[in-house]
């Protein structure tokens, strides 16, 4: 946690000098890849989301389009809209993506079969004609709720059924689904090593610090150009960089399960505009009363969010822990 007290706290506290920040990131990205890592360029996955769109645009600015390789890594359950938007941002910055369809490797790993086995232990009627999503409880501001996941299945007729997951069921669903991110990471490193390039990561601060990533999956990277930025700051850069409007207006999604769910539903539980302000306040020891007044919430609501953020950071610390030596 950051403990430096700053004042005054206000709703524009996260506003950036975007031109200066873009230049700073580009300079550091150039130095990291060309000077420190001694690589010839960068490879990154482009998902159709705002984070990868911003990182792609920054990478092309920093390294030149001849030194940037974007990969599209769809699978059977990916949204077609993700691929459409990813191609759009690639066209805009003047690079041609490489497409690697990963459904075959995922079938080989048993990704879908292992996951579906766990889902059927909750919903015996479930088969591949249904859609699936995993969510956390809504209403974080209204009541104290722990981060207990539920699964929702949607029948071919559109009927939704939701049930709470037991820990063993959740672990199997998540462990199987994580083959998706780890397969993508393997292909990113294949294309990077093929060209003597570095892998450029796309997670922002929210995902990195709160543990919304897969270790050695989308958490595998050689350089992380936006991991210091809150999600709302990524959107500031996106608007400055003229990221396509369809990406700016699309709610951020994990695009991991067959049914659509936003990152707010799946993990964060609050809109980024509010969560980022409260997270900043927590990290900078802003008094709860001052925070509550500024964001027009009760102190109890603010404390609920603080508690949730602290739990997420604490319970996902192992994801950010590097391999331990025998004497560590």
C-alpha atoms as a PDB file:
ATOM      1  CA  UNK A   1       0.000   0.000   0.000  1.00  0.00           C
ATOM      2  CA  UNK A   2       1.108   3.602  -0.664  1.00  0.00           C
ATOM      3  CA  UNK A   3       1.115   5.584   2.574  1.00  0.00           C
ATOM      4  CA  UNK A   4       2.090   9.082   1.448  1.00  0.00           C
ATOM      5  CA  UNK A   5      -0.658  11.538   2.485  1.00  0.00           C
ATOM      6  CA  UNK A   6      -1.627  14.024  -0.212  1.00  0.00           C
ATOM      7  CA  UNK A   7      -4.216  16.805  -0.090  1.00  0.00           C
ATOM      8  CA  UNK A   8      -6.721  17.914  -1.019  1.00  0.00           C
ATOM      9  CA  UNK A   9      -8.660  14.881  -2.201  1.00  0.00           C
ATOM     10  CA  UNK A  10     -11.035  15.679  -5.078  1.00  0.00           C
ATOM     11  CA  UNK A  11     -12.822  13.879  -7.886  1.00  0.00           C
ATOM     12  CA  UNK A  12     -10.239  14.955 -10.502  1.00  0.00           C
ATOM     13  CA  UNK A  13      -7.297  13.700  -8.472  1.00  0.00           C
ATOM     14  CA  UNK A  14      -6.467  11.060 -11.100  1.00  0.00           C
ATOM     15  CA  UNK A  15      -6.487  13.433 -14.050  1.00  0.00           C
ATOM     16  CA  UNK A  16      -3.266  13.191 -16.063  1.00  0.00           C
ATOM     17  CA  UNK A  17      -1.289  15.489 -18.291  1.00  0.00           C
ATOM     18  CA  UNK A  18      -1.912  12.938 -21.025  1.00  0.00           C
ATOM     19  CA  UNK A  19       0.495  14.377 -23.589  1.00  0.00           C
ATOM     20  CA  UNK A  20       3.331  14.304 -21.089  1.00  0.00           C
ATOM     21  CA  UNK A  21       2.405  10.822 -19.868  1.00  0.00           C
ATOM     22  CA  UNK A  22       2.286   9.414 -23.403  1.00  0.00           C
ATOM     23  CA  UNK A  23       5.741  10.798 -24.145  1.00  0.00           C
ATOM     24  CA  UNK A  24       7.085   9.470 -20.837  1.00  0.00           C
ATOM     25  CA  UNK A  25       5.731   5.961 -21.434  1.00  0.00           C
ATOM     26  CA  UNK A  26       6.990   5.863 -25.017  1.00  0.00           C
ATOM     27  CA  UNK A  27      10.495   6.913 -23.982  1.00  0.00           C
ATOM     28  CA  UNK A  28      10.621   4.334 -21.194  1.00  0.00           C
ATOM     29  CA  UNK A  29       9.242   1.632 -23.485  1.00  0.00           C
ATOM     30  CA  UNK A  30      11.928   2.364 -26.088  1.00  0.00           C
ATOM     31  CA  UNK A  31      14.672   2.187 -23.479  1.00  0.00           C
ATOM     32  CA  UNK A  32      13.267  -0.944 -21.871  1.00  0.00           C
ATOM     33  CA  UNK A  33      13.082  -2.924 -25.116  1.00  0.00           C
ATOM     34  CA  UNK A  34      16.016  -1.620 -27.132  1.00  0.00           C
ATOM     35  CA  UNK A  35      18.531  -0.733 -24.401  1.00  0.00           C
ATOM     36  CA  UNK A  36      17.787  -2.849 -21.310  1.00  0.00           C
ATOM     37  CA  UNK A  37      16.327  -6.013 -22.825  1.00  0.00           C
ATOM     38  CA  UNK A  38      18.348  -5.710 -26.057  1.00  0.00           C
ATOM     39  CA  UNK A  39      15.345  -6.845 -28.134  1.00  0.00           C
ATOM     40  CA  UNK A  40      14.546  -5.773 -31.675  1.00  0.00           C
ATOM     41  CA  UNK A  41      10.847  -4.999 -31.114  1.00  0.00           C
ATOM     42  CA  UNK A  42       7.706  -6.027 -29.271  1.00  0.00           C
ATOM     43  CA  UNK A  43       4.894  -8.585 -29.500  1.00  0.00           C
ATOM     44  CA  UNK A  44       1.549  -8.121 -27.758  1.00  0.00           C
ATOM     45  CA  UNK A  45      -1.891  -9.633 -27.706  1.00  0.00           C
ATOM     46  CA  UNK A  46      -4.682  -7.383 -28.984  1.00  0.00           C
ATOM     47  CA  UNK A  47      -8.090  -8.291 -27.580  1.00  0.00           C
ATOM     48  CA  UNK A  48     -10.400  -5.513 -28.735  1.00  0.00           C
ATOM     49  CA  UNK A  49     -10.334  -3.961 -25.267  1.00  0.00           C
ATOM     50  CA  UNK A  50      -9.135  -0.542 -24.243  1.00  0.00           C
ATOM     51  CA  UNK A  51      -5.964  -1.709 -22.476  1.00  0.00           C
ATOM     52  CA  UNK A  52      -4.466  -3.559 -25.425  1.00  0.00           C
ATOM     53  CA  UNK A  53      -5.603  -0.816 -27.816  1.00  0.00           C
ATOM     54  CA  UNK A  54      -3.749   1.798 -25.783  1.00  0.00           C
ATOM     55  CA  UNK A  55      -0.634  -0.362 -25.420  1.00  0.00           C
ATOM     56  CA  UNK A  56      -0.588  -1.168 -29.147  1.00  0.00           C
ATOM     57  CA  UNK A  57      -0.853   2.510 -30.034  1.00  0.00           C
ATOM     58  CA  UNK A  58       1.894   3.424 -27.554  1.00  0.00           C
ATOM     59  CA  UNK A  59       4.138   0.621 -28.823  1.00  0.00           C
ATOM     60  CA  UNK A  60       3.813   1.736 -32.438  1.00  0.00           C
ATOM     61  CA  UNK A  61       4.626   5.305 -31.401  1.00  0.00           C
ATOM     62  CA  UNK A  62       7.580   4.206 -29.325  1.00  0.00           C
ATOM     63  CA  UNK A  63       9.117   1.480 -31.480  1.00  0.00           C
ATOM     64  CA  UNK A  64       7.780   2.118 -34.967  1.00  0.00           C
ATOM     65  CA  UNK A  65       5.207  -0.036 -36.717  1.00  0.00           C
ATOM     66  CA  UNK A  66       7.905  -2.233 -38.314  1.00  0.00           C
ATOM     67  CA  UNK A  67       8.971  -3.329 -34.821  1.00  0.00           C
ATOM     68  CA  UNK A  68       5.554  -4.223 -33.392  1.00  0.00           C
ATOM     69  CA  UNK A  69       3.733  -7.530 -33.923  1.00  0.00           C
ATOM     70  CA  UNK A  70       0.109  -7.692 -32.710  1.00  0.00           C
ATOM     71  CA  UNK A  71      -1.445 -11.109 -32.184  1.00  0.00           C
ATOM     72  CA  UNK A  72      -5.144 -11.973 -32.268  1.00  0.00           C
ATOM     73  CA  UNK A  73      -5.692 -15.126 -30.218  1.00  0.00           C
ATOM     74  CA  UNK A  74      -9.359 -16.126 -30.497  1.00  0.00           C
ATOM     75  CA  UNK A  75     -10.950 -19.402 -29.414  1.00  0.00           C
ATOM     76  CA  UNK A  76     -14.360 -21.025 -29.778  1.00  0.00           C
ATOM     77  CA  UNK A  77     -15.960 -18.944 -27.017  1.00  0.00           C
ATOM     78  CA  UNK A  78     -14.437 -15.566 -27.900  1.00  0.00           C
ATOM     79  CA  UNK A  79     -16.800 -12.774 -28.867  1.00  0.00           C
ATOM     80  CA  UNK A  80     -16.681 -11.949 -32.614  1.00  0.00           C
ATOM     81  CA  UNK A  81     -16.886  -8.300 -31.555  1.00  0.00           C
ATOM     82  CA  UNK A  82     -13.516  -8.639 -29.829  1.00  0.00           C
ATOM     83  CA  UNK A  83     -11.819  -9.693 -33.049  1.00  0.00           C
ATOM     84  CA  UNK A  84     -13.581  -6.976 -35.065  1.00  0.00           C
ATOM     85  CA  UNK A  85     -12.454  -4.232 -32.703  1.00  0.00           C
ATOM     86  CA  UNK A  86      -8.935  -5.647 -32.464  1.00  0.00           C
ATOM     87  CA  UNK A  87      -8.593  -5.581 -36.246  1.00  0.00           C
ATOM     88  CA  UNK A  88      -9.950  -2.035 -36.319  1.00  0.00           C
ATOM     89  CA  UNK A  89      -7.305  -0.660 -33.961  1.00  0.00           C
ATOM     90  CA  UNK A  90      -4.585  -2.559 -35.835  1.00  0.00           C
ATOM     91  CA  UNK A  91      -5.688  -0.929 -39.095  1.00  0.00           C
ATOM     92  CA  UNK A  92      -5.770   2.463 -37.436  1.00  0.00           C
ATOM     93  CA  UNK A  93      -2.135   2.298 -36.319  1.00  0.00           C
ATOM     94  CA  UNK A  94      -0.965   0.676 -39.558  1.00  0.00           C
ATOM     95  CA  UNK A  95       0.015  -2.834 -38.454  1.00  0.00           C
ATOM     96  CA  UNK A  96      -1.187  -6.234 -39.655  1.00  0.00           C
ATOM     97  CA  UNK A  97      -2.088  -8.740 -36.940  1.00  0.00           C
ATOM     98  CA  UNK A  98      -1.104 -12.382 -36.866  1.00  0.00           C
ATOM     99  CA  UNK A  99      -4.095 -14.585 -36.044  1.00  0.00           C
ATOM    100  CA  UNK A 100      -3.538 -17.722 -33.972  1.00  0.00           C
ATOM    101  CA  UNK A 101      -6.721 -19.709 -33.371  1.00  0.00           C
ATOM    102  CA  UNK A 102      -6.244 -21.507 -30.034  1.00  0.00           C
ATOM    103  CA  UNK A 103      -9.344 -23.731 -29.907  1.00  0.00           C
ATOM    104  CA  UNK A 104      -7.378 -26.808 -30.975  1.00  0.00           C
ATOM    105  CA  UNK A 105      -4.715 -26.525 -28.257  1.00  0.00           C
ATOM    106  CA  UNK A 106      -7.424 -25.867 -25.675  1.00  0.00           C
ATOM    107  CA  UNK A 107      -9.266 -29.024 -26.684  1.00  0.00           C
ATOM    108  CA  UNK A 108      -5.971 -30.878 -26.387  1.00  0.00           C
ATOM    109  CA  UNK A 109      -5.420 -29.575 -22.863  1.00  0.00           C
ATOM    110  CA  UNK A 110      -8.969 -30.561 -21.942  1.00  0.00           C
ATOM    111  CA  UNK A 111      -9.829 -26.934 -21.133  1.00  0.00           C
ATOM    112  CA  UNK A 112     -13.504 -27.164 -22.063  1.00  0.00           C
ATOM    113  CA  UNK A 113     -14.036 -30.754 -20.878  1.00  0.00           C
ATOM    114  CA  UNK A 114     -12.444 -30.199 -17.464  1.00  0.00           C
ATOM    115  CA  UNK A 115     -14.393 -26.980 -16.955  1.00  0.00           C
ATOM    116  CA  UNK A 116     -17.691 -28.458 -18.105  1.00  0.00           C
ATOM    117  CA  UNK A 117     -17.289 -31.406 -15.749  1.00  0.00           C
ATOM    118  CA  UNK A 118     -17.272 -28.979 -12.837  1.00  0.00           C
ATOM    119  CA  UNK A 119     -20.174 -26.954 -14.266  1.00  0.00           C
ATOM    120  CA  UNK A 120     -22.309 -30.110 -14.610  1.00  0.00           C
ATOM    121  CA  UNK A 121     -21.732 -30.884 -10.932  1.00  0.00           C
ATOM    122  CA  UNK A 122     -23.675 -27.658 -10.286  1.00  0.00           C
ATOM    123  CA  UNK A 123     -26.074 -27.783 -13.265  1.00  0.00           C
ATOM    124  CA  UNK A 124     -26.628 -31.401 -14.439  1.00  0.00           C
ATOM    125  CA  UNK A 125     -28.535 -30.145 -17.493  1.00  0.00           C
ATOM    126  CA  UNK A 126     -25.577 -28.090 -18.759  1.00  0.00           C
ATOM    127  CA  UNK A 127     -24.121 -28.906 -22.176  1.00  0.00           C
ATOM    128  CA  UNK A 128     -22.372 -26.919 -24.909  1.00  0.00           C
ATOM    129  CA  UNK A 129     -25.687 -25.488 -26.170  1.00  0.00           C
ATOM    130  CA  UNK A 130     -25.778 -23.388 -22.982  1.00  0.00           C
ATOM    131  CA  UNK A 131     -23.770 -20.267 -22.315  1.00  0.00           C
ATOM    132  CA  UNK A 132     -21.832 -19.761 -19.080  1.00  0.00           C
ATOM    133  CA  UNK A 133     -20.466 -16.926 -16.993  1.00  0.00           C
ATOM    134  CA  UNK A 134     -18.936 -16.525 -13.526  1.00  0.00           C
ATOM    135  CA  UNK A 135     -19.725 -13.505 -11.357  1.00  0.00           C
ATOM    136  CA  UNK A 136     -19.227 -11.990  -7.913  1.00  0.00           C
ATOM    137  CA  UNK A 137     -22.124 -10.591  -5.833  1.00  0.00           C
ATOM    138  CA  UNK A 138     -23.402  -7.154  -6.908  1.00  0.00           C
ATOM    139  CA  UNK A 139     -24.292  -4.391  -4.484  1.00  0.00           C
ATOM    140  CA  UNK A 140     -20.934  -3.925  -2.772  1.00  0.00           C
ATOM    141  CA  UNK A 141     -21.995  -0.476  -1.583  1.00  0.00           C
ATOM    142  CA  UNK A 142     -25.242  -1.732  -0.084  1.00  0.00           C
ATOM    143  CA  UNK A 143     -24.210  -4.678   2.092  1.00  0.00           C
ATOM    144  CA  UNK A 144     -21.220  -6.584   3.394  1.00  0.00           C
ATOM    145  CA  UNK A 145     -20.619  -9.518   1.065  1.00  0.00           C
ATOM    146  CA  UNK A 146     -17.541 -11.637   0.589  1.00  0.00           C
ATOM    147  CA  UNK A 147     -16.043 -12.434  -2.790  1.00  0.00           C
ATOM    148  CA  UNK A 148     -18.028 -15.643  -3.263  1.00  0.00           C
ATOM    149  CA  UNK A 149     -18.445 -16.601  -6.919  1.00  0.00           C
ATOM    150  CA  UNK A 150     -21.603 -17.826  -8.594  1.00  0.00           C
ATOM    151  CA  UNK A 151     -22.099 -19.482 -11.977  1.00  0.00           C
ATOM    152  CA  UNK A 152     -24.869 -18.495 -14.355  1.00  0.00           C
ATOM    153  CA  UNK A 153     -25.946 -20.670 -17.254  1.00  0.00           C
ATOM    154  CA  UNK A 154     -28.167 -19.437 -20.084  1.00  0.00           C
ATOM    155  CA  UNK A 155     -30.243 -22.010 -21.957  1.00  0.00           C
ATOM    156  CA  UNK A 156     -30.713 -21.940 -25.748  1.00  0.00           C
ATOM    157  CA  UNK A 157     -34.150 -20.391 -25.036  1.00  0.00           C
ATOM    158  CA  UNK A 158     -32.524 -17.571 -23.010  1.00  0.00           C
ATOM    159  CA  UNK A 159     -33.502 -18.781 -19.526  1.00  0.00           C
ATOM    160  CA  UNK A 160     -30.892 -17.876 -16.895  1.00  0.00           C
ATOM    161  CA  UNK A 161     -30.125 -19.962 -13.797  1.00  0.00           C
ATOM    162  CA  UNK A 162     -27.622 -18.878 -11.161  1.00  0.00           C
ATOM    163  CA  UNK A 163     -26.139 -20.945  -8.332  1.00  0.00           C
ATOM    164  CA  UNK A 164     -23.374 -20.320  -5.837  1.00  0.00           C
ATOM    165  CA  UNK A 165     -20.165 -22.268  -6.447  1.00  0.00           C
ATOM    166  CA  UNK A 166     -18.480 -24.377  -3.801  1.00  0.00           C
ATOM    167  CA  UNK A 167     -14.703 -23.762  -3.568  1.00  0.00           C
ATOM    168  CA  UNK A 168     -13.766 -27.051  -5.270  1.00  0.00           C
ATOM    169  CA  UNK A 169     -16.122 -26.358  -8.167  1.00  0.00           C
ATOM    170  CA  UNK A 170     -14.772 -22.838  -8.590  1.00  0.00           C
ATOM    171  CA  UNK A 171     -11.172 -24.052  -8.479  1.00  0.00           C
ATOM    172  CA  UNK A 172     -11.770 -26.577 -11.256  1.00  0.00           C
ATOM    173  CA  UNK A 173     -13.620 -24.081 -13.452  1.00  0.00           C
ATOM    174  CA  UNK A 174     -10.923 -21.449 -12.995  1.00  0.00           C
ATOM    175  CA  UNK A 175      -7.990 -23.861 -13.331  1.00  0.00           C
ATOM    176  CA  UNK A 176      -9.398 -25.220 -16.594  1.00  0.00           C
ATOM    177  CA  UNK A 177     -10.309 -21.783 -17.959  1.00  0.00           C
ATOM    178  CA  UNK A 178      -6.803 -20.515 -17.228  1.00  0.00           C
ATOM    179  CA  UNK A 179      -5.524 -22.732 -20.046  1.00  0.00           C
ATOM    180  CA  UNK A 180      -6.829 -19.954 -22.305  1.00  0.00           C
ATOM    181  CA  UNK A 181      -4.523 -17.243 -20.953  1.00  0.00           C
ATOM    182  CA  UNK A 182      -1.563 -19.593 -20.622  1.00  0.00           C
ATOM    183  CA  UNK A 183      -1.954 -20.823 -24.202  1.00  0.00           C
ATOM    184  CA  UNK A 184      -2.006 -17.237 -25.404  1.00  0.00           C
ATOM    185  CA  UNK A 185       1.148 -16.496 -23.385  1.00  0.00           C
ATOM    186  CA  UNK A 186       2.926 -19.468 -24.985  1.00  0.00           C
ATOM    187  CA  UNK A 187       2.122 -18.155 -28.461  1.00  0.00           C
ATOM    188  CA  UNK A 188       3.187 -14.615 -27.590  1.00  0.00           C
ATOM    189  CA  UNK A 189       6.561 -15.929 -26.483  1.00  0.00           C
ATOM    190  CA  UNK A 190       6.842 -18.138 -29.562  1.00  0.00           C
ATOM    191  CA  UNK A 191       6.438 -15.142 -31.851  1.00  0.00           C
ATOM    192  CA  UNK A 192       8.685 -12.986 -29.664  1.00  0.00           C
ATOM    193  CA  UNK A 193      11.515 -15.528 -29.617  1.00  0.00           C
ATOM    194  CA  UNK A 194      11.123 -16.127 -33.346  1.00  0.00           C
ATOM    195  CA  UNK A 195      12.000 -12.474 -33.973  1.00  0.00           C
ATOM    196  CA  UNK A 196      14.212 -11.656 -30.983  1.00  0.00           C
ATOM    197  CA  UNK A 197      11.380  -9.440 -29.681  1.00  0.00           C
ATOM    198  CA  UNK A 198      10.036  -8.786 -26.182  1.00  0.00           C
ATOM    199  CA  UNK A 199       6.519  -9.529 -24.959  1.00  0.00           C
ATOM    200  CA  UNK A 200       4.695  -6.322 -24.059  1.00  0.00           C
ATOM    201  CA  UNK A 201       2.044  -6.704 -21.366  1.00  0.00           C
ATOM    202  CA  UNK A 202      -1.294  -4.942 -21.393  1.00  0.00           C
ATOM    203  CA  UNK A 203      -2.707  -5.118 -17.797  1.00  0.00           C
ATOM    204  CA  UNK A 204      -3.336  -1.781 -16.045  1.00  0.00           C
ATOM    205  CA  UNK A 205      -2.839  -1.172 -12.329  1.00  0.00           C
ATOM    206  CA  UNK A 206      -6.310  -2.501 -11.428  1.00  0.00           C
ATOM    207  CA  UNK A 207      -5.617  -5.920 -12.858  1.00  0.00           C
ATOM    208  CA  UNK A 208      -2.032  -6.190 -11.669  1.00  0.00           C
ATOM    209  CA  UNK A 209      -2.457  -5.023  -8.074  1.00  0.00           C
ATOM    210  CA  UNK A 210      -5.865  -6.611  -7.403  1.00  0.00           C
ATOM    211  CA  UNK A 211      -4.914  -9.943  -8.941  1.00  0.00           C
ATOM    212  CA  UNK A 212      -7.189  -9.954 -11.968  1.00  0.00           C
ATOM    213  CA  UNK A 213      -4.771 -11.930 -14.117  1.00  0.00           C
ATOM    214  CA  UNK A 214      -3.484 -15.453 -14.616  1.00  0.00           C
ATOM    215  CA  UNK A 215       0.021 -16.168 -13.369  1.00  0.00           C
ATOM    216  CA  UNK A 216       2.200 -17.125 -16.350  1.00  0.00           C
ATOM    217  CA  UNK A 217      -0.809 -16.360 -18.521  1.00  0.00           C
ATOM    218  CA  UNK A 218      -1.787 -12.739 -19.165  1.00  0.00           C
ATOM    219  CA  UNK A 219       0.587 -11.961 -16.273  1.00  0.00           C
ATOM    220  CA  UNK A 220       3.550 -13.177 -18.371  1.00  0.00           C
ATOM    221  CA  UNK A 221       5.413 -10.274 -19.954  1.00  0.00           C
ATOM    222  CA  UNK A 222       8.820  -8.668 -20.351  1.00  0.00           C
ATOM    223  CA  UNK A 223       7.661  -5.078 -19.936  1.00  0.00           C
ATOM    224  CA  UNK A 224       4.470  -3.618 -18.450  1.00  0.00           C
ATOM    225  CA  UNK A 225       3.910  -0.097 -19.830  1.00  0.00           C
ATOM    226  CA  UNK A 226       0.540   0.698 -18.194  1.00  0.00           C
ATOM    227  CA  UNK A 227       0.699  -1.285 -14.928  1.00  0.00           C
ATOM    228  CA  UNK A 228       1.120   1.992 -13.024  1.00  0.00           C
ATOM    229  CA  UNK A 229      -2.117   3.487 -14.424  1.00  0.00           C
ATOM    230  CA  UNK A 230      -5.591   3.207 -12.945  1.00  0.00           C
ATOM    231  CA  UNK A 231      -8.205   2.076 -15.454  1.00  0.00           C
ATOM    232  CA  UNK A 232      -9.752   5.542 -15.656  1.00  0.00           C
ATOM    233  CA  UNK A 233      -6.309   6.916 -16.539  1.00  0.00           C
ATOM    234  CA  UNK A 234      -6.003   4.322 -19.316  1.00  0.00           C
ATOM    235  CA  UNK A 235      -9.239   5.744 -20.725  1.00  0.00           C
ATOM    236  CA  UNK A 236      -7.727   9.250 -20.575  1.00  0.00           C
ATOM    237  CA  UNK A 237      -4.830   8.038 -22.710  1.00  0.00           C
ATOM    238  CA  UNK A 238      -7.220   6.182 -25.018  1.00  0.00           C
ATOM    239  CA  UNK A 239      -9.174   9.350 -25.782  1.00  0.00           C
ATOM    240  CA  UNK A 240      -5.968  11.318 -26.377  1.00  0.00           C
ATOM    241  CA  UNK A 241      -4.622   8.579 -28.665  1.00  0.00           C
ATOM    242  CA  UNK A 242      -7.890   8.490 -30.644  1.00  0.00           C
ATOM    243  CA  UNK A 243      -8.626   4.849 -29.876  1.00  0.00           C
ATOM    244  CA  UNK A 244     -11.696   3.768 -31.902  1.00  0.00           C
ATOM    245  CA  UNK A 245     -14.993   4.838 -30.379  1.00  0.00           C
ATOM    246  CA  UNK A 246     -16.342   1.295 -30.395  1.00  0.00           C
ATOM    247  CA  UNK A 247     -13.583   0.299 -27.970  1.00  0.00           C
ATOM    248  CA  UNK A 248     -14.107   3.346 -25.767  1.00  0.00           C
ATOM    249  CA  UNK A 249     -17.821   2.695 -25.377  1.00  0.00           C
ATOM    250  CA  UNK A 250     -17.671  -1.097 -25.000  1.00  0.00           C
ATOM    251  CA  UNK A 251     -17.823  -2.186 -21.331  1.00  0.00           C
ATOM    252  CA  UNK A 252     -14.558  -3.930 -20.384  1.00  0.00           C
ATOM    253  CA  UNK A 253     -15.040  -7.691 -20.485  1.00  0.00           C
ATOM    254  CA  UNK A 254     -12.930 -10.691 -19.567  1.00  0.00           C
ATOM    255  CA  UNK A 255     -14.087 -12.508 -22.750  1.00  0.00           C
ATOM    256  CA  UNK A 256     -13.236 -15.806 -21.023  1.00  0.00           C
ATOM    257  CA  UNK A 257     -16.638 -17.479 -20.791  1.00  0.00           C
ATOM    258  CA  UNK A 258     -19.248 -18.031 -23.479  1.00  0.00           C
ATOM    259  CA  UNK A 259     -21.827 -15.692 -21.926  1.00  0.00           C
ATOM    260  CA  UNK A 260     -20.959 -12.010 -21.924  1.00  0.00           C
ATOM    261  CA  UNK A 261     -19.988 -10.503 -18.582  1.00  0.00           C
ATOM    262  CA  UNK A 262     -18.266  -7.247 -17.759  1.00  0.00           C
ATOM    263  CA  UNK A 263     -15.127  -6.986 -15.644  1.00  0.00           C
ATOM    264  CA  UNK A 264     -17.284  -5.225 -13.064  1.00  0.00           C
ATOM    265  CA  UNK A 265     -19.601  -8.256 -12.819  1.00  0.00           C
ATOM    266  CA  UNK A 266     -16.807 -10.790 -12.944  1.00  0.00           C
ATOM    267  CA  UNK A 267     -14.337  -9.287 -10.472  1.00  0.00           C
ATOM    268  CA  UNK A 268     -14.213  -5.597  -9.606  1.00  0.00           C
ATOM    269  CA  UNK A 269     -17.811  -5.127  -8.346  1.00  0.00           C
ATOM    270  CA  UNK A 270     -17.814  -1.328  -8.862  1.00  0.00           C
ATOM    271  CA  UNK A 271     -17.629   1.076 -11.800  1.00  0.00           C
ATOM    272  CA  UNK A 272     -14.008   2.018 -12.452  1.00  0.00           C
ATOM    273  CA  UNK A 273     -14.745   5.732 -12.054  1.00  0.00           C
ATOM    274  CA  UNK A 274     -15.725   5.217  -8.422  1.00  0.00           C
ATOM    275  CA  UNK A 275     -13.433   2.328  -7.586  1.00  0.00           C
ATOM    276  CA  UNK A 276     -10.305   4.121  -8.760  1.00  0.00           C
ATOM    277  CA  UNK A 277     -11.031   7.165  -6.620  1.00  0.00           C
ATOM    278  CA  UNK A 278     -11.656   5.040  -3.547  1.00  0.00           C
ATOM    279  CA  UNK A 279      -8.599   2.909  -4.208  1.00  0.00           C
ATOM    280  CA  UNK A 280      -6.434   6.023  -4.543  1.00  0.00           C
ATOM    281  CA  UNK A 281      -7.843   7.325  -1.269  1.00  0.00           C
ATOM    282  CA  UNK A 282      -7.087   4.031   0.479  1.00  0.00           C
ATOM    283  CA  UNK A 283      -3.521   3.938  -0.830  1.00  0.00           C
ATOM    284  CA  UNK A 284      -2.875   7.523   0.222  1.00  0.00           C
ATOM    285  CA  UNK A 285      -4.457   7.333   3.707  1.00  0.00           C
ATOM    286  CA  UNK A 286      -7.200   9.854   2.972  1.00  0.00           C
ATOM    287  CA  UNK A 287      -9.545   9.960   6.006  1.00  0.00           C
ATOM    288  CA  UNK A 288     -12.766   8.064   5.396  1.00  0.00           C
ATOM    289  CA  UNK A 289     -14.915  11.061   6.293  1.00  0.00           C
ATOM    290  CA  UNK A 290     -13.186  13.216   3.698  1.00  0.00           C
ATOM    291  CA  UNK A 291     -13.512  10.478   1.089  1.00  0.00           C
ATOM    292  CA  UNK A 292     -17.201   9.888   1.820  1.00  0.00           C
ATOM    293  CA  UNK A 293     -18.031  13.572   1.527  1.00  0.00           C
ATOM    294  CA  UNK A 294     -16.085  13.972  -1.711  1.00  0.00           C
ATOM    295  CA  UNK A 295     -17.679  11.015  -3.512  1.00  0.00           C
ATOM    296  CA  UNK A 296     -21.134  11.415  -1.922  1.00  0.00           C
ATOM    297  CA  UNK A 297     -21.176   8.082  -0.086  1.00  0.00           C
ATOM    298  CA  UNK A 298     -21.571   7.142   3.564  1.00  0.00           C
ATOM    299  CA  UNK A 299     -18.516   6.280   5.610  1.00  0.00           C
ATOM    300  CA  UNK A 300     -19.870   2.743   5.947  1.00  0.00           C
ATOM    301  CA  UNK A 301     -20.024   2.373   2.163  1.00  0.00           C
ATOM    302  CA  UNK A 302     -16.478   3.651   1.771  1.00  0.00           C
ATOM    303  CA  UNK A 303     -15.247   1.215   4.421  1.00  0.00           C
ATOM    304  CA  UNK A 304     -16.928  -1.692   2.587  1.00  0.00           C
ATOM    305  CA  UNK A 305     -15.016  -0.833  -0.559  1.00  0.00           C
ATOM    306  CA  UNK A 306     -11.753  -0.387   1.363  1.00  0.00           C
ATOM    307  CA  UNK A 307     -12.211  -3.809   2.951  1.00  0.00           C
ATOM    308  CA  UNK A 308     -12.910  -5.412  -0.431  1.00  0.00           C
ATOM    309  CA  UNK A 309      -9.827  -3.841  -2.011  1.00  0.00           C
ATOM    310  CA  UNK A 310      -7.624  -4.928   0.885  1.00  0.00           C
ATOM    311  CA  UNK A 311      -8.954  -8.495   0.704  1.00  0.00           C
ATOM    312  CA  UNK A 312      -8.319  -8.717  -3.030  1.00  0.00           C
ATOM    313  CA  UNK A 313      -4.769  -7.418  -2.736  1.00  0.00           C
ATOM    314  CA  UNK A 314      -3.976  -9.702   0.211  1.00  0.00           C
ATOM    315  CA  UNK A 315      -5.502 -12.900  -1.196  1.00  0.00           C
ATOM    316  CA  UNK A 316      -3.839 -12.484  -4.609  1.00  0.00           C
ATOM    317  CA  UNK A 317      -0.361 -11.581  -3.360  1.00  0.00           C
ATOM    318  CA  UNK A 318       0.934 -15.009  -4.399  1.00  0.00           C
ATOM    319  CA  UNK A 319       0.212 -14.085  -8.038  1.00  0.00           C
ATOM    320  CA  UNK A 320       2.716 -11.222  -7.797  1.00  0.00           C
ATOM    321  CA  UNK A 321       5.318 -13.240  -5.883  1.00  0.00           C
ATOM    322  CA  UNK A 322       8.273 -14.354  -8.047  1.00  0.00           C
ATOM    323  CA  UNK A 323       9.604 -17.912  -7.721  1.00  0.00           C
ATOM    324  CA  UNK A 324      11.060 -18.409  -4.256  1.00  0.00           C
ATOM    325  CA  UNK A 325      14.584 -19.626  -3.731  1.00  0.00           C
ATOM    326  CA  UNK A 326      15.303 -22.288  -1.128  1.00  0.00           C
ATOM    327  CA  UNK A 327      16.599 -19.673   1.300  1.00  0.00           C
ATOM    328  CA  UNK A 328      13.836 -17.081   0.736  1.00  0.00           C
END
